[in-house]
Amino acid sequence: MMEAIAYVQFAGKAEKALGFYEKALQATSVKKVKFGDFGHNPNAPITEEEQNMIMESRIEFSGNTLMISDVLPSMEAVTDEVTKGNTVLISIIDAGPEMNKQSFEKLSEGCTVIMPLSSTP
């Protein structure tokens, strides 16, 4: 079974958005991971402010899921600047390795791939 999830990105305001959506949607489950939760990478240092930004969060409500994250300023060279209109992604959640690969290849046609197909925490 394949599941599609809306994924909304922010430039440092994900924590505030998370709190808003948690209350507004009467979330039954909220999980979040901050960039600093994985420790420091000396080859790619991030500021204390960036360590406190949301790397990934998941809100579950009424059988639905909404994911929210921040885009670090250092990531904008790859993802482009966070502006209105480019902050919503659709995540396709594990439909099995072959289906994931086929879907990714079809969805990638004629597009710029920001993040290759991979497993994420």
Protein backbone atom coordinates (compact mmCIF):
# COMPACT_ATOMS: atom_id res chain seq x y z
CA MET A 1 0.00 0.00 0.00
CA MET A 2 1.32 3.44 -0.91
CA GLU A 3 0.69 6.50 1.23
CA ALA A 4 1.19 10.13 0.19
CA ILE A 5 2.00 12.74 2.82
CA ALA A 6 2.07 16.55 2.56
CA TYR A 7 5.43 17.94 3.69
CA VAL A 8 5.65 21.67 4.44
CA GLN A 9 9.01 23.42 4.75
CA PHE A 10 9.93 26.60 6.62
CA ALA A 11 12.97 28.83 7.01
CA GLY A 12 13.40 28.65 10.78
CA LYS A 13 9.70 28.78 11.73
CA ALA A 14 8.86 25.05 11.73
CA GLU A 15 8.65 24.82 15.54
CA LYS A 16 6.05 27.60 15.62
CA ALA A 17 4.11 26.02 12.74
CA LEU A 18 4.27 22.64 14.45
CA GLY A 19 2.62 24.05 17.58
CA PHE A 20 -0.03 25.80 15.51
CA TYR A 21 -0.98 22.72 13.47
CA GLU A 22 -0.83 20.46 16.53
CA LYS A 23 -3.55 22.55 18.22
CA ALA A 24 -5.54 23.47 15.11
CA LEU A 25 -5.77 19.88 13.88
CA GLN A 26 -6.13 18.34 17.35
CA ALA A 27 -3.16 16.06 16.74
CA THR A 28 -3.23 12.61 18.26
CA SER A 29 0.53 12.15 17.85
CA VAL A 30 3.41 14.59 17.35
CA LYS A 31 7.02 13.57 16.77
CA LYS A 32 9.94 15.86 16.02
CA VAL A 33 13.66 15.65 15.45
CA LYS A 34 15.95 18.67 15.56
CA PHE A 35 19.10 19.01 13.48
CA GLY A 36 21.19 19.02 16.67
CA ASP A 37 19.80 15.64 17.79
CA PHE A 38 22.36 13.88 15.59
CA GLY A 39 25.44 15.54 17.06
CA HIS A 40 28.03 17.63 15.29
CA ASN A 41 29.63 16.84 11.96
CA PRO A 42 32.99 18.68 11.94
CA ASN A 43 32.95 18.62 8.12
CA ALA A 44 29.58 20.41 8.02
CA PRO A 45 29.26 22.54 11.16
CA ILE A 46 25.95 24.22 11.89
CA THR A 47 25.22 27.08 14.26
CA GLU A 48 23.46 26.66 17.59
CA GLU A 49 20.38 28.32 16.07
CA GLU A 50 20.38 25.78 13.21
CA GLN A 51 20.82 22.89 15.67
CA ASN A 52 17.51 23.94 17.26
CA MET A 53 15.66 23.95 13.93
CA ILE A 54 13.32 21.09 13.05
CA MET A 55 14.90 18.51 10.75
CA GLU A 56 11.67 16.52 10.53
CA SER A 57 8.37 16.39 12.35
CA ARG A 58 5.22 14.37 11.94
CA ILE A 59 1.72 15.26 13.10
CA GLU A 60 -1.00 12.63 12.98
CA PHE A 61 -4.63 13.70 13.12
CA SER A 62 -7.94 12.10 12.06
CA GLY A 63 -6.15 9.34 10.15
CA ASN A 64 -3.99 11.87 8.26
CA THR A 65 -0.35 12.90 8.45
CA LEU A 66 1.34 16.27 8.00
CA MET A 67 5.12 16.61 8.03
CA ILE A 68 6.94 19.88 8.77
CA SER A 69 10.63 20.81 8.66
CA ASP A 70 13.03 23.71 8.43
CA VAL A 71 15.46 24.26 5.58
CA LEU A 72 18.85 25.32 6.92
CA PRO A 73 20.38 28.36 5.24
CA SER A 74 23.33 26.14 4.23
CA MET A 75 20.91 23.78 2.43
CA GLU A 76 19.36 26.52 0.30
CA ALA A 77 22.18 26.18 -2.27
CA VAL A 78 20.72 22.73 -3.04
CA THR A 79 17.02 23.19 -2.24
CA ASP A 80 16.69 26.82 -3.35
CA GLU A 81 15.57 29.62 -1.05
CA VAL A 82 12.40 28.97 0.92
CA THR A 83 9.77 31.22 -0.63
CA LYS A 84 6.02 31.06 -1.00
CA GLY A 85 5.23 28.47 -3.63
CA ASN A 86 8.18 26.12 -3.16
CA THR A 87 7.61 24.95 0.41
CA VAL A 88 5.28 21.98 -0.06
CA LEU A 89 6.60 18.55 -0.95
CA ILE A 90 4.78 15.26 -1.32
CA SER A 91 6.46 12.27 0.35
CA ILE A 92 5.62 8.84 -1.00
CA ILE A 93 5.90 6.46 1.92
CA ASP A 94 7.26 2.94 1.51
CA ALA A 95 5.28 1.06 -1.07
CA GLY A 96 8.08 -1.52 -1.29
CA PRO A 97 11.52 -1.17 -2.87
CA GLU A 98 10.52 -1.88 -6.49
CA MET A 99 7.39 0.32 -6.40
CA ASN A 100 9.39 3.11 -4.72
CA LYS A 101 12.05 2.91 -7.43
CA GLN A 102 9.52 2.91 -10.27
CA SER A 103 7.53 5.79 -8.77
CA PHE A 104 10.68 7.83 -8.13
CA GLU A 105 11.94 7.32 -11.68
CA LYS A 106 8.59 8.37 -13.19
CA LEU A 107 8.17 11.36 -10.88
CA SER A 108 11.77 12.46 -11.61
CA GLU A 109 11.35 12.64 -15.40
CA GLY A 110 12.12 16.16 -16.59
CA CYS A 111 12.70 17.35 -13.02
CA THR A 112 15.63 18.44 -10.91
CA VAL A 113 16.20 15.84 -8.20
CA ILE A 114 17.05 17.56 -4.92
CA MET A 115 17.40 14.38 -2.88
CA PRO A 116 17.93 10.97 -4.49
CA LEU A 117 15.79 8.03 -3.47
CA SER A 118 16.99 6.82 -0.07
CA SER A 119 15.90 5.67 3.36
CA THR A 120 15.65 8.44 5.94
CA PRO A 121 15.19 8.40 9.70
